[in-house]
């Protein structure tokens, strides 16, 4: 396996055993992770990823290392990995019960993106019922307890789709199993509100910032699945994939793929990356 792992200060091959079987992350899925993308050896929006992790840790009632220490671990691992363009995953758990030391793991792997034709022609998505509803804190954090989203994505895989769109009992779209979702309805860019209880994506926030700067009308509001089926455009966002156009949802073909707003936001997003990550 290509890449490198940084585990509590030790550099290892990713496949080497390094975590105690008594670690809370292994035993109970107690912990958090951030998946980030490095461009030319620099991670885009690192501080925002670390801030989200630290806020999420408070939701789960454990104390992670300070942001500067986590940033140092990420940078050391990225330097040791020797990859300019990479996927970097930071995981933090409370460690072994009774120990004051959390477990910190950084894994650096070569960048792997969705197939080029998915950016050119769009991906296909299917709706799947959201299993975590109500006020569960696991809906708002990037928890190691990720099985509900994996099961949703596997349901999509079995149908030959590229992404599962989670829909709550109200019939409203929440997010994708692996990514946040946006729709273009007429001249308006729409994404579900955080009140629907989902992970506030870093790329999602960046897209909203860009829409604000470029005066693209947008709203964070409830998005019924039926409305999404009739969208003029739709796209998914994540730190690794960036902006991924959607061609069809539940067999409902959308308009032009990629659409004008998707193309415009994609270009502006890449300009933001170039400006910040050099």
Protein backbone atom coordinates (compact mmCIF):
# COMPACT_ATOMS: atom_id res chain seq x y z
CA UNK A 1 0.00 0.00 0.00
CA UNK A 2 1.49 3.31 -1.09
CA UNK A 3 1.70 6.14 1.38
CA UNK A 4 2.68 6.58 5.00
CA UNK A 5 1.08 6.68 8.45
CA UNK A 6 1.94 8.88 11.42
CA UNK A 7 0.75 7.27 14.66
CA UNK A 8 1.33 9.22 17.89
CA UNK A 9 4.65 10.46 16.57
CA UNK A 10 5.82 7.27 14.85
CA UNK A 11 6.11 6.93 11.10
CA UNK A 12 4.90 3.60 9.74
CA UNK A 13 3.68 1.94 6.60
CA UNK A 14 -0.13 2.25 6.49
CA UNK A 15 -0.59 -1.52 6.72
CA UNK A 16 1.56 -1.92 9.85
CA UNK A 17 -0.34 -2.62 13.10
CA UNK A 18 -0.11 0.34 15.44
CA UNK A 19 -3.35 0.78 17.45
CA UNK A 20 -4.10 -0.96 20.73
CA UNK A 21 -7.10 -3.30 20.60
CA UNK A 22 -8.28 -1.47 23.72
CA UNK A 23 -8.41 1.91 21.96
CA UNK A 24 -11.86 3.51 22.13
CA UNK A 25 -11.83 4.11 18.40
CA UNK A 26 -11.33 0.41 17.69
CA UNK A 27 -13.68 -0.87 20.39
CA UNK A 28 -16.59 1.55 20.04
CA UNK A 29 -16.00 3.75 17.02
CA UNK A 30 -15.39 6.57 19.50
CA UNK A 31 -13.46 9.23 17.66
CA UNK A 32 -13.39 11.62 14.76
CA UNK A 33 -11.70 11.96 11.41
CA UNK A 34 -11.07 14.56 8.73
CA UNK A 35 -10.31 13.74 5.11
CA UNK A 36 -8.33 16.48 3.39
CA UNK A 37 -6.69 17.10 0.05
CA UNK A 38 -3.14 18.29 -0.45
CA UNK A 39 -2.25 20.35 -3.51
CA UNK A 40 1.45 20.70 -4.19
CA UNK A 41 2.23 19.56 -0.67
CA UNK A 42 -0.18 22.00 1.03
CA UNK A 43 -3.59 21.15 2.43
CA UNK A 44 -6.49 23.34 1.39
CA UNK A 45 -8.44 24.78 4.33
CA UNK A 46 -6.45 22.91 6.98
CA UNK A 47 -7.45 25.31 9.75
CA UNK A 48 -11.15 24.84 8.97
CA UNK A 49 -10.80 21.06 9.08
CA UNK A 50 -9.05 21.23 12.46
CA UNK A 51 -11.62 23.64 13.84
CA UNK A 52 -14.44 21.29 12.82
CA UNK A 53 -12.71 18.35 14.48
CA UNK A 54 -12.16 20.24 17.74
CA UNK A 55 -15.77 21.49 17.85
CA UNK A 56 -16.97 17.95 17.09
CA UNK A 57 -14.82 16.53 19.90
CA UNK A 58 -16.66 18.79 22.35
CA UNK A 59 -19.93 17.26 21.07
CA UNK A 60 -18.55 13.82 21.94
CA UNK A 61 -17.10 15.01 25.30
CA UNK A 62 -13.43 14.29 24.79
CA UNK A 63 -10.38 16.51 24.56
CA UNK A 64 -8.27 16.29 21.38
CA UNK A 65 -4.76 17.75 21.13
CA UNK A 66 -4.52 21.45 20.39
CA UNK A 67 -4.98 22.58 16.80
CA UNK A 68 -1.31 23.51 16.40
CA UNK A 69 -0.25 20.04 17.52
CA UNK A 70 -2.63 18.38 15.10
CA UNK A 71 -1.41 20.66 12.32
CA UNK A 72 2.17 19.69 13.13
CA UNK A 73 1.31 15.99 12.92
CA UNK A 74 -0.42 16.48 9.56
CA UNK A 75 2.48 18.47 8.14
CA UNK A 76 5.08 15.99 9.39
CA UNK A 77 3.20 13.08 7.86
CA UNK A 78 2.70 14.91 4.58
CA UNK A 79 6.40 15.79 4.38
CA UNK A 80 7.39 12.20 5.15
CA UNK A 81 4.98 10.84 2.56
CA UNK A 82 6.74 12.76 -0.21
CA UNK A 83 3.52 13.27 -2.19
CA UNK A 84 2.67 16.65 -3.66
CA UNK A 85 -0.95 15.73 -4.42
CA UNK A 86 -2.42 13.46 -1.79
CA UNK A 87 -5.40 12.44 0.29
CA UNK A 88 -4.69 13.00 3.98
CA UNK A 89 -6.84 11.47 6.69
CA UNK A 90 -6.50 12.65 10.28
CA UNK A 91 -8.13 10.45 12.95
CA UNK A 92 -8.33 11.25 16.66
CA UNK A 93 -9.72 9.02 19.41
CA UNK A 94 -9.78 9.36 23.23
CA UNK A 95 -7.26 6.51 23.35
CA UNK A 96 -7.36 3.67 25.87
CA UNK A 97 -9.91 4.04 28.68
CA UNK A 98 -8.28 5.63 31.71
CA UNK A 99 -5.36 7.03 29.73
CA UNK A 100 -5.02 10.82 29.45
CA UNK A 101 -3.40 10.49 26.02
CA UNK A 102 -5.58 10.54 22.91
CA UNK A 103 -4.62 8.55 19.84
CA UNK A 104 -3.72 10.58 16.75
CA UNK A 105 -3.27 8.96 13.35
CA UNK A 106 -2.47 10.66 10.05
CA UNK A 107 -2.52 8.57 6.88
CA UNK A 108 -1.18 10.03 3.63
CA UNK A 109 -2.13 8.29 0.38
CA UNK A 110 -1.77 9.10 -3.32
CA UNK A 111 -4.61 11.20 -4.68
CA UNK A 112 -7.38 9.14 -6.27
CA UNK A 113 -10.25 11.00 -7.92
CA UNK A 114 -13.57 9.92 -9.45
CA UNK A 115 -13.25 8.91 -13.09
CA UNK A 116 -12.78 11.80 -15.51
CA UNK A 117 -16.02 10.99 -17.38
CA UNK A 118 -18.01 11.59 -14.17
CA UNK A 119 -16.81 15.19 -14.18
CA UNK A 120 -17.57 15.49 -17.89
CA UNK A 121 -20.92 13.68 -18.00
CA UNK A 122 -22.05 13.65 -14.38
CA UNK A 123 -22.61 10.87 -11.87
CA UNK A 124 -25.80 9.00 -11.02
CA UNK A 125 -27.36 9.05 -7.57
CA UNK A 126 -30.21 7.24 -5.82
CA UNK A 127 -32.16 8.22 -2.73
CA UNK A 128 -31.81 6.15 0.43
CA UNK A 129 -33.67 6.66 3.74
CA UNK A 130 -31.53 8.36 6.40
CA UNK A 131 -31.16 6.05 9.39
CA UNK A 132 -29.93 8.61 11.92
CA UNK A 133 -32.69 11.11 12.61
CA UNK A 134 -33.62 13.51 15.38
CA UNK A 135 -30.98 15.13 17.56
CA UNK A 136 -28.25 12.51 17.37
CA UNK A 137 -24.85 14.23 17.64
CA UNK A 138 -23.47 11.65 15.20
CA UNK A 139 -25.34 13.44 12.42
CA UNK A 140 -23.32 16.61 12.96
CA UNK A 141 -19.81 15.22 13.36
CA UNK A 142 -17.42 13.23 11.19
CA UNK A 143 -17.39 10.27 13.53
CA UNK A 144 -15.43 7.05 13.17
CA UNK A 145 -18.85 5.44 13.68
CA UNK A 146 -19.57 5.73 9.96
CA UNK A 147 -21.43 2.51 9.29
CA UNK A 148 -24.80 4.09 8.52
CA UNK A 149 -23.33 6.05 5.62
CA UNK A 150 -21.32 3.08 4.39
CA UNK A 151 -24.48 0.96 4.33
CA UNK A 152 -26.30 3.68 2.41
CA UNK A 153 -23.47 3.89 -0.10
CA UNK A 154 -23.44 0.12 -0.50
CA UNK A 155 -27.17 0.25 -1.25
CA UNK A 156 -26.39 2.77 -3.98
CA UNK A 157 -23.55 0.60 -5.29
CA UNK A 158 -25.92 -2.35 -5.63
CA UNK A 159 -28.14 -0.21 -7.86
CA UNK A 160 -25.21 0.82 -10.04
CA UNK A 161 -25.23 4.39 -8.72
CA UNK A 162 -22.25 6.50 -7.69
CA UNK A 163 -23.76 8.20 -4.62
CA UNK A 164 -26.55 7.67 -2.12
CA UNK A 165 -28.70 10.72 -1.33
CA UNK A 166 -29.96 10.50 2.25
CA UNK A 167 -33.62 11.49 2.70
CA UNK A 168 -35.27 11.99 6.08
CA UNK A 169 -38.81 10.94 7.10
CA UNK A 170 -40.13 14.36 6.04
CA UNK A 171 -39.12 13.57 2.47
CA UNK A 172 -36.37 16.20 2.56
CA UNK A 173 -32.84 15.71 1.28
CA UNK A 174 -30.19 15.71 4.00
CA UNK A 175 -26.88 15.05 2.22
CA UNK A 176 -25.04 12.48 0.17
CA UNK A 177 -23.62 9.46 1.94
CA UNK A 178 -20.10 10.63 1.09
CA UNK A 179 -20.64 14.25 0.05
CA UNK A 180 -22.86 17.32 0.50
CA UNK A 181 -25.36 18.17 -2.22
CA UNK A 182 -26.43 21.31 -4.06
CA UNK A 183 -29.21 21.89 -6.59
CA UNK A 184 -29.78 24.69 -9.07
CA UNK A 185 -33.47 25.57 -9.38
CA UNK A 186 -33.98 28.29 -11.94
CA UNK A 187 -31.48 31.00 -11.01
CA UNK A 188 -31.16 29.88 -7.38
CA UNK A 189 -28.50 27.68 -5.83
CA UNK A 190 -30.05 25.58 -3.06
CA UNK A 191 -28.51 23.33 -0.41
CA UNK A 192 -30.20 21.74 2.64
CA UNK A 193 -29.92 23.72 5.89
CA UNK A 194 -27.75 22.59 8.79
CA UNK A 195 -30.95 22.28 10.83
CA UNK A 196 -31.63 19.06 8.92
CA UNK A 197 -28.79 17.64 10.98
CA UNK A 198 -25.82 16.76 8.82
CA UNK A 199 -22.09 17.26 8.67
CA UNK A 200 -21.21 20.88 7.76
CA UNK A 201 -18.80 20.22 4.90
CA UNK A 202 -15.69 22.33 4.38
CA UNK A 203 -16.17 22.34 0.60
CA UNK A 204 -19.87 23.12 1.07
CA UNK A 205 -18.93 26.21 3.08
CA UNK A 206 -16.38 27.23 0.44
CA UNK A 207 -18.97 26.97 -2.33
CA UNK A 208 -21.35 29.18 -0.35
CA UNK A 209 -18.56 31.72 0.16
CA UNK A 210 -17.91 31.75 -3.58
CA UNK A 211 -21.62 32.14 -4.37
CA UNK A 212 -21.75 35.12 -2.02
CA UNK A 213 -18.72 36.76 -3.62
CA UNK A 214 -19.98 36.16 -7.16
CA UNK A 215 -23.51 37.27 -6.31
CA UNK A 216 -25.04 33.94 -7.26
CA UNK A 217 -28.46 33.80 -5.54
CA UNK A 218 -28.45 30.97 -3.01
CA UNK A 219 -30.38 29.68 -0.05
CA UNK A 220 -29.96 27.08 2.67
CA UNK A 221 -33.45 25.69 2.90
CA UNK A 222 -35.40 22.46 2.96
CA UNK A 223 -35.01 20.60 -0.32
CA UNK A 224 -37.76 18.00 -0.87
CA UNK A 225 -36.63 14.99 -2.87
CA UNK A 226 -39.39 15.68 -5.41
CA UNK A 227 -37.92 19.15 -5.99
CA UNK A 228 -34.43 17.73 -6.40
CA UNK A 229 -35.74 15.35 -9.07
CA UNK A 230 -36.73 18.37 -11.14
CA UNK A 231 -33.55 20.41 -10.60
CA UNK A 232 -31.92 22.16 -13.54
CA UNK A 233 -28.51 21.18 -12.18
CA UNK A 234 -27.13 19.33 -9.18
CA UNK A 235 -23.67 18.62 -7.88
CA UNK A 236 -21.93 16.98 -4.95
CA UNK A 237 -19.08 18.49 -2.94
CA UNK A 238 -16.22 17.04 -0.93
CA UNK A 239 -12.65 17.98 -0.11
CA UNK A 240 -11.20 15.29 -2.37
CA UNK A 241 -13.61 15.29 -5.32
CA UNK A 242 -14.20 19.07 -5.12
CA UNK A 243 -17.36 19.66 -7.23
CA UNK A 244 -18.84 16.59 -8.93
CA UNK A 245 -21.78 17.11 -11.33
CA UNK A 246 -24.88 14.91 -11.03
CA UNK A 247 -26.56 13.70 -14.21
CA UNK A 248 -29.53 11.78 -12.78
CA UNK A 249 -31.21 11.06 -9.44
CA UNK A 250 -33.47 8.03 -9.06
CA UNK A 251 -33.61 7.80 -12.84
CA UNK A 252 -34.71 11.43 -13.26
CA UNK A 253 -32.35 13.03 -15.75
CA UNK A 254 -31.33 16.58 -14.93
CA UNK A 255 -30.61 19.38 -17.40
CA UNK A 256 -27.31 20.15 -19.03
CA UNK A 257 -24.38 18.38 -17.36
CA UNK A 258 -22.35 20.06 -16.17
CA UNK A 259 -24.59 23.11 -16.08
CA UNK A 260 -23.52 26.74 -16.29
CA UNK A 261 -23.64 27.37 -12.55
CA UNK A 262 -21.72 24.17 -11.83
CA UNK A 263 -19.03 25.15 -14.34
CA UNK A 264 -18.82 28.66 -12.91
CA UNK A 265 -18.47 27.44 -9.32
CA UNK A 266 -15.93 24.78 -10.30
CA UNK A 267 -13.70 27.37 -11.92
CA UNK A 268 -13.98 29.71 -8.95
CA UNK A 269 -13.28 26.89 -6.51
CA UNK A 270 -10.09 25.98 -8.32
CA UNK A 271 -9.05 29.63 -8.30
CA UNK A 272 -9.55 29.65 -4.52
CA UNK A 273 -7.39 26.55 -4.20
CA UNK A 274 -4.67 28.08 -6.37
CA UNK A 275 -4.72 31.28 -4.33
CA UNK A 276 -4.62 29.58 -0.95
CA UNK A 277 -2.55 26.47 -1.67
CA UNK A 278 -0.34 27.97 -4.32
